Amino acid sequence: MCLTCGCGSDEVLIRGRKPLNKPKAPVNFKLHRIESKVAEDTQRIVKLEQDILHKNDLHAQRNRALFEQHGMLALNLVSSPGSGKTTLLVSTLQALQGRYPLAVIEGDQQTEQDADRIRATGVSAVQINTGKGCHLDAQMVERALPEMPIPEGGMLFIENVGNLVCPAGFDLGEFAKVVVLSVTEGEDKPLKYPDMFRAANLMLLNKCDLLPYLSFDVALAESYARRVNPDIRIIRLSAASGEGMDDWLSWLEQQRPNAN
């Protein structure tokens, strides 16, 4: 069980074959006591998760109010590790610089490497190291905001920890979640991690310049994403070649609070 967010055990499903000629379990007079203890522990876990998410939502509401007050478009970028999220973000910032105020909050368990890559573009970046934590939460973002110039009327990109599970359940106060799926991953990621793709407004299918060298089925990946979330918008792009970047930048401009 994740010690940070309480994600855990009561929805675990193990699929496998039944062993042949499985012997019957001996009757155990302690079974009822064990089942009662399991039920009690499960209730405690559910209560803990509810409390954590409620507290998170209060901080998210404050973040959202601040973003709206300053006319900012705040986006939560989520993906599995290695999707090319930071490279895509660097290319995005380079394309947008001079057009809007920009800022970035970087989430990683350790190091400031990604924040340093962002700062090299000239954009302000605050690094949040979560230690053993597997995601950013709204309070972390709230604490990071005073450490950067507020991008008044501009865009704030929050690059979450690489993880397709827990970030789906934590509202940071963002306008939208943007999930990045690279063609070097499996087409079935949306089916394996449905909560994340269901929570996302936009899916960026990244590294499309590598498609000639892979057996990745783009149509299948997109159909899986729409099976989970019929309303999800999908943009195919490559941060390396620039393919599809205009569509991504256009989407960003259309989401701005003051966009016509």
C-alpha atoms as a PDB file:
ATOM      1  CA  MET A   1       0.000   0.000   0.000  1.00  0.00           C
ATOM      2  CA  CYS A   2       1.209   3.507  -0.815  1.00  0.00           C
ATOM      3  CA  LEU A   3       2.063   5.168   2.497  1.00  0.00           C
ATOM      4  CA  THR A   4       1.533   8.622   1.027  1.00  0.00           C
ATOM      5  CA  CYS A   5      -1.986   8.460  -0.359  1.00  0.00           C
ATOM      6  CA  GLY A   6      -3.531   5.318   1.088  1.00  0.00           C
ATOM      7  CA  CYS A   7      -4.119   3.687  -2.278  1.00  0.00           C
ATOM      8  CA  GLY A   8      -4.455   0.067  -1.671  1.00  0.00           C
ATOM      9  CA  SER A   9      -6.037  -3.119  -1.270  1.00  0.00           C
ATOM     10  CA  ASP A  10      -9.774  -3.517  -1.404  1.00  0.00           C
ATOM     11  CA  GLU A  11     -10.027  -3.420  -5.225  1.00  0.00           C
ATOM     12  CA  VAL A  12      -7.113  -5.756  -5.962  1.00  0.00           C
ATOM     13  CA  LEU A  13      -8.015  -8.491  -8.425  1.00  0.00           C
ATOM     14  CA  ILE A  14      -5.626 -11.381  -9.074  1.00  0.00           C
ATOM     15  CA  ARG A  15      -6.266 -13.266 -12.282  1.00  0.00           C
ATOM     16  CA  GLY A  16      -4.831 -16.734 -12.722  1.00  0.00           C
ATOM     17  CA  ARG A  17      -5.609 -20.390 -13.270  1.00  0.00           C
ATOM     18  CA  LYS A  18      -7.047 -22.498 -10.521  1.00  0.00           C
ATOM     19  CA  PRO A  19      -4.648 -25.276  -9.520  1.00  0.00           C
ATOM     20  CA  LEU A  20      -5.813 -28.767 -10.431  1.00  0.00           C
ATOM     21  CA  ASN A  21      -6.995 -31.032  -7.608  1.00  0.00           C
ATOM     22  CA  LYS A  22      -6.715 -28.247  -5.063  1.00  0.00           C
ATOM     23  CA  PRO A  23      -7.246 -29.756  -1.571  1.00  0.00           C
ATOM     24  CA  LYS A  24      -9.997 -28.306   0.555  1.00  0.00           C
ATOM     25  CA  ALA A  25      -8.803 -25.908   3.222  1.00  0.00           C
ATOM     26  CA  PRO A  26      -9.177 -27.265   6.753  1.00  0.00           C
ATOM     27  CA  VAL A  27     -11.857 -25.650   8.876  1.00  0.00           C
ATOM     28  CA  ASN A  28     -10.342 -22.895  10.978  1.00  0.00           C
ATOM     29  CA  PHE A  29     -12.279 -21.703  14.009  1.00  0.00           C
ATOM     30  CA  LYS A  30     -10.314 -18.416  13.841  1.00  0.00           C
ATOM     31  CA  LEU A  31     -11.548 -17.645  10.322  1.00  0.00           C
ATOM     32  CA  HIS A  32     -14.421 -15.402  11.454  1.00  0.00           C
ATOM     33  CA  ARG A  33     -12.074 -13.407  13.675  1.00  0.00           C
ATOM     34  CA  ILE A  34      -9.607 -12.963  10.785  1.00  0.00           C
ATOM     35  CA  GLU A  35     -12.363 -11.850   8.407  1.00  0.00           C
ATOM     36  CA  SER A  36     -13.582  -9.314  10.960  1.00  0.00           C
ATOM     37  CA  LYS A  37     -10.059  -7.913  11.344  1.00  0.00           C
ATOM     38  CA  VAL A  38      -9.676  -7.636   7.542  1.00  0.00           C
ATOM     39  CA  ALA A  39     -13.001  -5.800   7.253  1.00  0.00           C
ATOM     40  CA  GLU A  40     -12.011  -3.436  10.066  1.00  0.00           C
ATOM     41  CA  ASP A  41      -8.631  -2.695   8.461  1.00  0.00           C
ATOM     42  CA  THR A  42     -10.289  -2.101   5.094  1.00  0.00           C
ATOM     43  CA  GLN A  43     -12.685   0.406   6.643  1.00  0.00           C
ATOM     44  CA  ARG A  44      -9.776   2.242   8.236  1.00  0.00           C
ATOM     45  CA  ILE A  45      -7.933   2.399   4.901  1.00  0.00           C
ATOM     46  CA  VAL A  46     -11.010   3.735   3.094  1.00  0.00           C
ATOM     47  CA  LYS A  47     -11.569   6.341   5.831  1.00  0.00           C
ATOM     48  CA  LEU A  48      -7.918   7.397   5.643  1.00  0.00           C
ATOM     49  CA  GLU A  49      -8.102   7.789   1.883  1.00  0.00           C
ATOM     50  CA  GLN A  50     -11.305   9.805   2.129  1.00  0.00           C
ATOM     51  CA  ASP A  51      -9.733  12.116   4.707  1.00  0.00           C
ATOM     52  CA  ILE A  52      -6.605  12.606   2.592  1.00  0.00           C
ATOM     53  CA  LEU A  53      -8.572  13.360  -0.576  1.00  0.00           C
ATOM     54  CA  HIS A  54     -10.899  15.761   1.274  1.00  0.00           C
ATOM     55  CA  LYS A  55      -7.929  17.689   2.652  1.00  0.00           C
ATOM     56  CA  ASN A  56      -6.360  17.703  -0.816  1.00  0.00           C
ATOM     57  CA  ASP A  57      -9.532  19.096  -2.371  1.00  0.00           C
ATOM     58  CA  LEU A  58      -9.530  22.039   0.049  1.00  0.00           C
ATOM     59  CA  HIS A  59      -6.006  23.002  -1.027  1.00  0.00           C
ATOM     60  CA  ALA A  60      -6.967  22.452  -4.677  1.00  0.00           C
ATOM     61  CA  GLN A  61      -9.857  24.897  -4.312  1.00  0.00           C
ATOM     62  CA  ARG A  62      -7.462  27.552  -3.015  1.00  0.00           C
ATOM     63  CA  ASN A  63      -5.060  26.903  -5.895  1.00  0.00           C
ATOM     64  CA  ARG A  64      -7.869  27.112  -8.438  1.00  0.00           C
ATOM     65  CA  ALA A  65      -9.087  30.400  -6.984  1.00  0.00           C
ATOM     66  CA  LEU A  66      -5.567  31.849  -7.250  1.00  0.00           C
ATOM     67  CA  PHE A  67      -5.185  30.653 -10.860  1.00  0.00           C
ATOM     68  CA  GLU A  68      -8.517  32.217 -11.791  1.00  0.00           C
ATOM     69  CA  GLN A  69      -7.656  35.445  -9.959  1.00  0.00           C
ATOM     70  CA  HIS A  70      -4.507  35.852 -12.045  1.00  0.00           C
ATOM     71  CA  GLY A  71      -6.028  34.672 -15.337  1.00  0.00           C
ATOM     72  CA  MET A  72      -3.638  31.710 -15.559  1.00  0.00           C
ATOM     73  CA  LEU A  73      -4.058  28.503 -17.519  1.00  0.00           C
ATOM     74  CA  ALA A  74      -2.764  25.786 -15.179  1.00  0.00           C
ATOM     75  CA  LEU A  75      -2.205  22.322 -16.632  1.00  0.00           C
ATOM     76  CA  ASN A  76      -1.254  19.075 -14.896  1.00  0.00           C
ATOM     77  CA  LEU A  77       1.038  17.037 -17.176  1.00  0.00           C
ATOM     78  CA  VAL A  78       0.946  13.331 -16.320  1.00  0.00           C
ATOM     79  CA  SER A  79       2.543  10.234 -17.818  1.00  0.00           C
ATOM     80  CA  SER A  80       4.563   7.142 -17.064  1.00  0.00           C
ATOM     81  CA  PRO A  81       8.355   7.583 -16.773  1.00  0.00           C
ATOM     82  CA  GLY A  82      10.180   7.933 -20.085  1.00  0.00           C
ATOM     83  CA  SER A  83       7.293   9.301 -22.131  1.00  0.00           C
ATOM     84  CA  GLY A  84       9.309  12.362 -23.182  1.00  0.00           C
ATOM     85  CA  LYS A  85       7.232  14.725 -21.041  1.00  0.00           C
ATOM     86  CA  THR A  86      10.100  17.040 -20.076  1.00  0.00           C
ATOM     87  CA  THR A  87      11.488  17.229 -23.620  1.00  0.00           C
ATOM     88  CA  LEU A  88       8.005  18.069 -24.863  1.00  0.00           C
ATOM     89  CA  LEU A  89       7.647  20.723 -22.170  1.00  0.00           C
ATOM     90  CA  VAL A  90      10.992  22.316 -23.085  1.00  0.00           C
ATOM     91  CA  SER A  91       9.947  22.513 -26.761  1.00  0.00           C
ATOM     92  CA  THR A  92       6.595  23.978 -25.738  1.00  0.00           C
ATOM     93  CA  LEU A  93       8.176  26.674 -23.590  1.00  0.00           C
ATOM     94  CA  GLN A  94      10.621  27.619 -26.329  1.00  0.00           C
ATOM     95  CA  ALA A  95       7.733  28.025 -28.774  1.00  0.00           C
ATOM     96  CA  LEU A  96       5.624  30.097 -26.357  1.00  0.00           C
ATOM     97  CA  GLN A  97       8.310  32.367 -24.903  1.00  0.00           C
ATOM     98  CA  GLY A  98       7.683  36.030 -25.569  1.00  0.00           C
ATOM     99  CA  ARG A  99       3.990  35.392 -26.213  1.00  0.00           C
ATOM    100  CA  TYR A 100       2.802  34.700 -22.668  1.00  0.00           C
ATOM    101  CA  PRO A 101       4.215  34.721 -19.139  1.00  0.00           C
ATOM    102  CA  LEU A 102       5.234  31.150 -18.303  1.00  0.00           C
ATOM    103  CA  ALA A 103       6.155  29.149 -15.211  1.00  0.00           C
ATOM    104  CA  VAL A 104       6.710  25.501 -14.343  1.00  0.00           C
ATOM    105  CA  ILE A 105       6.401  23.333 -11.250  1.00  0.00           C
ATOM    106  CA  GLU A 106       8.463  20.155 -11.569  1.00  0.00           C
ATOM    107  CA  GLY A 107       7.646  17.022  -9.593  1.00  0.00           C
ATOM    108  CA  ASP A 108      10.198  14.229  -9.108  1.00  0.00           C
ATOM    109  CA  GLN A 109      11.115  11.951  -6.258  1.00  0.00           C
ATOM    110  CA  GLN A 110      14.743  13.163  -6.340  1.00  0.00           C
ATOM    111  CA  THR A 111      17.114  15.587  -8.157  1.00  0.00           C
ATOM    112  CA  GLU A 112      16.605  18.977  -9.812  1.00  0.00           C
ATOM    113  CA  GLN A 113      17.658  17.817 -13.272  1.00  0.00           C
ATOM    114  CA  ASP A 114      14.317  18.475 -14.952  1.00  0.00           C
ATOM    115  CA  ALA A 115      13.908  21.875 -13.277  1.00  0.00           C
ATOM    116  CA  ASP A 116      17.412  22.792 -14.463  1.00  0.00           C
ATOM    117  CA  ARG A 117      16.430  21.862 -18.034  1.00  0.00           C
ATOM    118  CA  ILE A 118      13.426  24.174 -17.745  1.00  0.00           C
ATOM    119  CA  ARG A 119      15.465  27.027 -16.253  1.00  0.00           C
ATOM    120  CA  ALA A 120      17.904  26.754 -19.155  1.00  0.00           C
ATOM    121  CA  THR A 121      15.076  27.983 -21.425  1.00  0.00           C
ATOM    122  CA  GLY A 122      14.776  31.139 -19.310  1.00  0.00           C
ATOM    123  CA  VAL A 123      11.461  30.097 -17.744  1.00  0.00           C
ATOM    124  CA  SER A 124      11.089  30.089 -13.962  1.00  0.00           C
ATOM    125  CA  ALA A 125      10.806  26.577 -12.471  1.00  0.00           C
ATOM    126  CA  VAL A 126      10.294  25.295  -8.945  1.00  0.00           C
ATOM    127  CA  GLN A 127      11.302  21.713  -8.188  1.00  0.00           C
ATOM    128  CA  ILE A 128       9.260  19.612  -5.775  1.00  0.00           C
ATOM    129  CA  ASN A 129      11.020  16.450  -4.600  1.00  0.00           C
ATOM    130  CA  THR A 130       8.495  14.057  -3.150  1.00  0.00           C
ATOM    131  CA  GLY A 131      10.991  11.568  -1.641  1.00  0.00           C
ATOM    132  CA  LYS A 132       9.064   8.309  -1.399  1.00  0.00           C
ATOM    133  CA  GLY A 133       5.872   9.997  -2.551  1.00  0.00           C
ATOM    134  CA  CYS A 134       4.532   8.841  -5.907  1.00  0.00           C
ATOM    135  CA  HIS A 135       2.647  11.990  -6.961  1.00  0.00           C
ATOM    136  CA  LEU A 136       2.166  15.690  -6.360  1.00  0.00           C
ATOM    137  CA  ASP A 137      -0.729  16.864  -4.225  1.00  0.00           C
ATOM    138  CA  ALA A 138      -2.468  20.223  -4.029  1.00  0.00           C
ATOM    139  CA  GLN A 139      -0.725  21.294  -0.818  1.00  0.00           C
ATOM    140  CA  MET A 140       2.707  20.759  -2.409  1.00  0.00           C
ATOM    141  CA  VAL A 141       1.660  22.974  -5.322  1.00  0.00           C
ATOM    142  CA  GLU A 142       0.255  25.595  -2.934  1.00  0.00           C
ATOM    143  CA  ARG A 143       3.588  25.709  -1.082  1.00  0.00           C
ATOM    144  CA  ALA A 144       5.529  25.987  -4.348  1.00  0.00           C
ATOM    145  CA  LEU A 145       3.568  28.902  -5.795  1.00  0.00           C
ATOM    146  CA  PRO A 146       5.110  31.644  -3.583  1.00  0.00           C
ATOM    147  CA  GLU A 147       8.557  30.507  -4.735  1.00  0.00           C
ATOM    148  CA  MET A 148       8.002  31.655  -8.328  1.00  0.00           C
ATOM    149  CA  PRO A 149       6.845  34.757 -10.194  1.00  0.00           C
ATOM    150  CA  ILE A 150       3.120  34.326 -10.886  1.00  0.00           C
ATOM    151  CA  PRO A 151       2.601  34.136 -14.684  1.00  0.00           C
ATOM    152  CA  GLU A 152      -0.144  36.755 -14.761  1.00  0.00           C
ATOM    153  CA  GLY A 153      -2.442  36.051 -17.722  1.00  0.00           C
ATOM    154  CA  GLY A 154      -0.107  33.266 -18.842  1.00  0.00           C
ATOM    155  CA  MET A 155       0.426  29.557 -18.381  1.00  0.00           C
ATOM    156  CA  LEU A 156       1.574  27.356 -15.523  1.00  0.00           C
ATOM    157  CA  PHE A 157       2.694  23.841 -16.397  1.00  0.00           C
ATOM    158  CA  ILE A 158       2.787  21.344 -13.527  1.00  0.00           C
ATOM    159  CA  GLU A 159       4.875  18.327 -14.518  1.00  0.00           C
ATOM    160  CA  ASN A 160       3.778  15.538 -12.213  1.00  0.00           C
ATOM    161  CA  VAL A 161       5.851  12.602 -10.995  1.00  0.00           C
ATOM    162  CA  GLY A 162       6.054   9.859 -13.631  1.00  0.00           C
ATOM    163  CA  ASN A 163       3.186   7.587 -12.577  1.00  0.00           C
ATOM    164  CA  LEU A 164      -0.105   6.646 -14.249  1.00  0.00           C
ATOM    165  CA  VAL A 165      -1.858   5.587 -11.038  1.00  0.00           C
ATOM    166  CA  CYS A 166      -2.017   7.973  -8.067  1.00  0.00           C
ATOM    167  CA  PRO A 167      -1.908  11.352  -9.901  1.00  0.00           C
ATOM    168  CA  ALA A 168      -5.286  10.488 -11.430  1.00  0.00           C
ATOM    169  CA  GLY A 169      -7.003  10.879  -8.068  1.00  0.00           C
ATOM    170  CA  PHE A 170      -5.387  14.115  -6.880  1.00  0.00           C
ATOM    171  CA  ASP A 171      -6.792  17.444  -8.030  1.00  0.00           C
ATOM    172  CA  LEU A 172      -4.096  20.117  -7.974  1.00  0.00           C
ATOM    173  CA  GLY A 173      -6.480  22.942  -8.847  1.00  0.00           C
ATOM    174  CA  GLU A 174      -5.533  22.652 -12.515  1.00  0.00           C
ATOM    175  CA  PHE A 175      -7.753  23.540 -15.459  1.00  0.00           C
ATOM    176  CA  ALA A 176      -7.082  20.155 -17.071  1.00  0.00           C
ATOM    177  CA  LYS A 177      -4.968  17.029 -16.914  1.00  0.00           C
ATOM    178  CA  VAL A 178      -2.925  16.314 -20.044  1.00  0.00           C
ATOM    179  CA  VAL A 179      -1.727  12.724 -20.314  1.00  0.00           C
ATOM    180  CA  VAL A 180       1.348  11.997 -22.434  1.00  0.00           C
ATOM    181  CA  LEU A 181       1.590   8.536 -24.006  1.00  0.00           C
ATOM    182  CA  SER A 182       4.633   7.731 -26.123  1.00  0.00           C
ATOM    183  CA  VAL A 183       4.667   5.301 -29.031  1.00  0.00           C
ATOM    184  CA  THR A 184       7.511   3.437 -27.301  1.00  0.00           C
ATOM    185  CA  GLU A 185       4.954   2.222 -24.757  1.00  0.00           C
ATOM    186  CA  GLY A 186       2.154  -0.295 -25.237  1.00  0.00           C
ATOM    187  CA  GLU A 187      -1.066   0.560 -27.074  1.00  0.00           C
ATOM    188  CA  ASP A 188      -3.012  -0.886 -24.149  1.00  0.00           C
ATOM    189  CA  LYS A 189      -1.857   1.674 -21.566  1.00  0.00           C
ATOM    190  CA  PRO A 190      -5.304   3.373 -21.558  1.00  0.00           C
ATOM    191  CA  LEU A 191      -6.942   0.049 -20.678  1.00  0.00           C
ATOM    192  CA  LYS A 192      -4.357  -0.806 -18.018  1.00  0.00           C
ATOM    193  CA  TYR A 193      -4.566   2.628 -16.371  1.00  0.00           C
ATOM    194  CA  PRO A 194      -8.143   3.729 -17.116  1.00  0.00           C
ATOM    195  CA  ASP A 195      -8.493   6.181 -14.215  1.00  0.00           C
ATOM    196  CA  MET A 196      -5.743   8.384 -15.611  1.00  0.00           C
ATOM    197  CA  PHE A 197      -7.047   8.438 -19.172  1.00  0.00           C
ATOM    198  CA  ARG A 198     -10.597   8.955 -17.888  1.00  0.00           C
ATOM    199  CA  ALA A 199      -9.443  11.964 -15.855  1.00  0.00           C
ATOM    200  CA  ALA A 200      -7.528  13.548 -18.743  1.00  0.00           C
ATOM    201  CA  ASN A 201      -8.969  16.134 -21.119  1.00  0.00           C
ATOM    202  CA  LEU A 202      -6.230  15.656 -23.684  1.00  0.00           C
ATOM    203  CA  MET A 203      -3.913  12.829 -24.697  1.00  0.00           C
ATOM    204  CA  LEU A 204      -0.649  13.715 -26.435  1.00  0.00           C
ATOM    205  CA  LEU A 205       0.676  10.775 -28.421  1.00  0.00           C
ATOM    206  CA  ASN A 206       4.375  11.585 -28.321  1.00  0.00           C
ATOM    207  CA  LYS A 207       7.502  10.416 -30.187  1.00  0.00           C
ATOM    208  CA  CYS A 208       5.581   9.853 -33.420  1.00  0.00           C
ATOM    209  CA  ASP A 209       8.832  10.366 -35.345  1.00  0.00           C
ATOM    210  CA  LEU A 210       9.787   6.837 -34.185  1.00  0.00           C
ATOM    211  CA  LEU A 211       6.722   5.127 -35.680  1.00  0.00           C
ATOM    212  CA  PRO A 212       8.577   3.865 -38.799  1.00  0.00           C
ATOM    213  CA  TYR A 213      10.845   1.852 -36.502  1.00  0.00           C
ATOM    214  CA  LEU A 214       8.174   0.417 -34.201  1.00  0.00           C
ATOM    215  CA  SER A 215       5.183  -1.901 -34.392  1.00  0.00           C
ATOM    216  CA  PHE A 216       2.993   0.499 -32.410  1.00  0.00           C
ATOM    217  CA  ASP A 217      -0.634   0.584 -33.657  1.00  0.00           C
ATOM    218  CA  VAL A 218      -1.718   4.217 -33.435  1.00  0.00           C
ATOM    219  CA  ALA A 219      -5.370   3.590 -34.316  1.00  0.00           C
ATOM    220  CA  LEU A 220      -5.621   0.858 -31.688  1.00  0.00           C
ATOM    221  CA  ALA A 221      -4.089   3.052 -28.967  1.00  0.00           C
ATOM    222  CA  GLU A 222      -6.479   5.869 -29.792  1.00  0.00           C
ATOM    223  CA  SER A 223      -9.490   3.529 -29.834  1.00  0.00           C
ATOM    224  CA  TYR A 224      -8.518   2.219 -26.397  1.00  0.00           C
ATOM    225  CA  ALA A 225      -8.242   5.767 -25.063  1.00  0.00           C
ATOM    226  CA  ARG A 226     -11.690   6.646 -26.436  1.00  0.00           C
ATOM    227  CA  ARG A 227     -13.149   3.434 -25.053  1.00  0.00           C
ATOM    228  CA  VAL A 228     -12.126   4.627 -21.589  1.00  0.00           C
ATOM    229  CA  ASN A 229     -12.933   8.303 -22.231  1.00  0.00           C
ATOM    230  CA  PRO A 230     -15.128   9.027 -25.279  1.00  0.00           C
ATOM    231  CA  ASP A 231     -14.587  12.788 -24.877  1.00  0.00           C
ATOM    232  CA  ILE A 232     -10.787  12.754 -24.788  1.00  0.00           C
ATOM    233  CA  ARG A 233      -9.031  14.907 -27.377  1.00  0.00           C
ATOM    234  CA  ILE A 234      -5.969  13.297 -29.001  1.00  0.00           C
ATOM    235  CA  ILE A 235      -3.045  15.030 -30.696  1.00  0.00           C
ATOM    236  CA  ARG A 236      -0.248  13.101 -32.401  1.00  0.00           C
ATOM    237  CA  LEU A 237       3.085  14.865 -32.125  1.00  0.00           C
ATOM    238  CA  SER A 238       6.838  14.658 -31.781  1.00  0.00           C
ATOM    239  CA  ALA A 239       8.843  17.059 -29.660  1.00  0.00           C
ATOM    240  CA  ALA A 240      11.966  15.988 -31.594  1.00  0.00           C
ATOM    241  CA  SER A 241      10.726  16.587 -35.157  1.00  0.00           C
ATOM    242  CA  GLY A 242       8.113  19.235 -34.423  1.00  0.00           C
ATOM    243  CA  GLU A 243       5.323  17.169 -35.972  1.00  0.00           C
ATOM    244  CA  GLY A 244       1.964  18.091 -34.436  1.00  0.00           C
ATOM    245  CA  MET A 245       3.392  20.857 -32.249  1.00  0.00           C
ATOM    246  CA  ASP A 246       1.254  23.506 -33.968  1.00  0.00           C
ATOM    247  CA  ASP A 247      -1.888  21.584 -33.026  1.00  0.00           C
ATOM    248  CA  TRP A 248      -0.719  21.350 -29.405  1.00  0.00           C
ATOM    249  CA  LEU A 249       0.134  25.061 -29.236  1.00  0.00           C
ATOM    250  CA  SER A 250      -3.203  25.937 -30.803  1.00  0.00           C
ATOM    251  CA  TRP A 251      -5.006  23.818 -28.192  1.00  0.00           C
ATOM    252  CA  LEU A 252      -3.136  25.653 -25.442  1.00  0.00           C
ATOM    253  CA  GLU A 253      -4.114  29.055 -26.798  1.00  0.00           C
ATOM    254  CA  GLN A 254      -7.756  28.023 -27.065  1.00  0.00           C
ATOM    255  CA  GLN A 255      -7.852  26.967 -23.380  1.00  0.00           C
ATOM    256  CA  ARG A 256      -6.561  30.279 -22.026  1.00  0.00           C
ATOM    257  CA  PRO A 257      -9.133  32.052 -19.811  1.00  0.00           C
ATOM    258  CA  ASN A 258      -9.030  35.177 -21.997  1.00  0.00           C
ATOM    259  CA  ALA A 259      -9.019  33.359 -25.340  1.00  0.00           C
ATOM    260  CA  ASN A 260     -11.618  34.624 -27.799  1.00  0.00           C
END
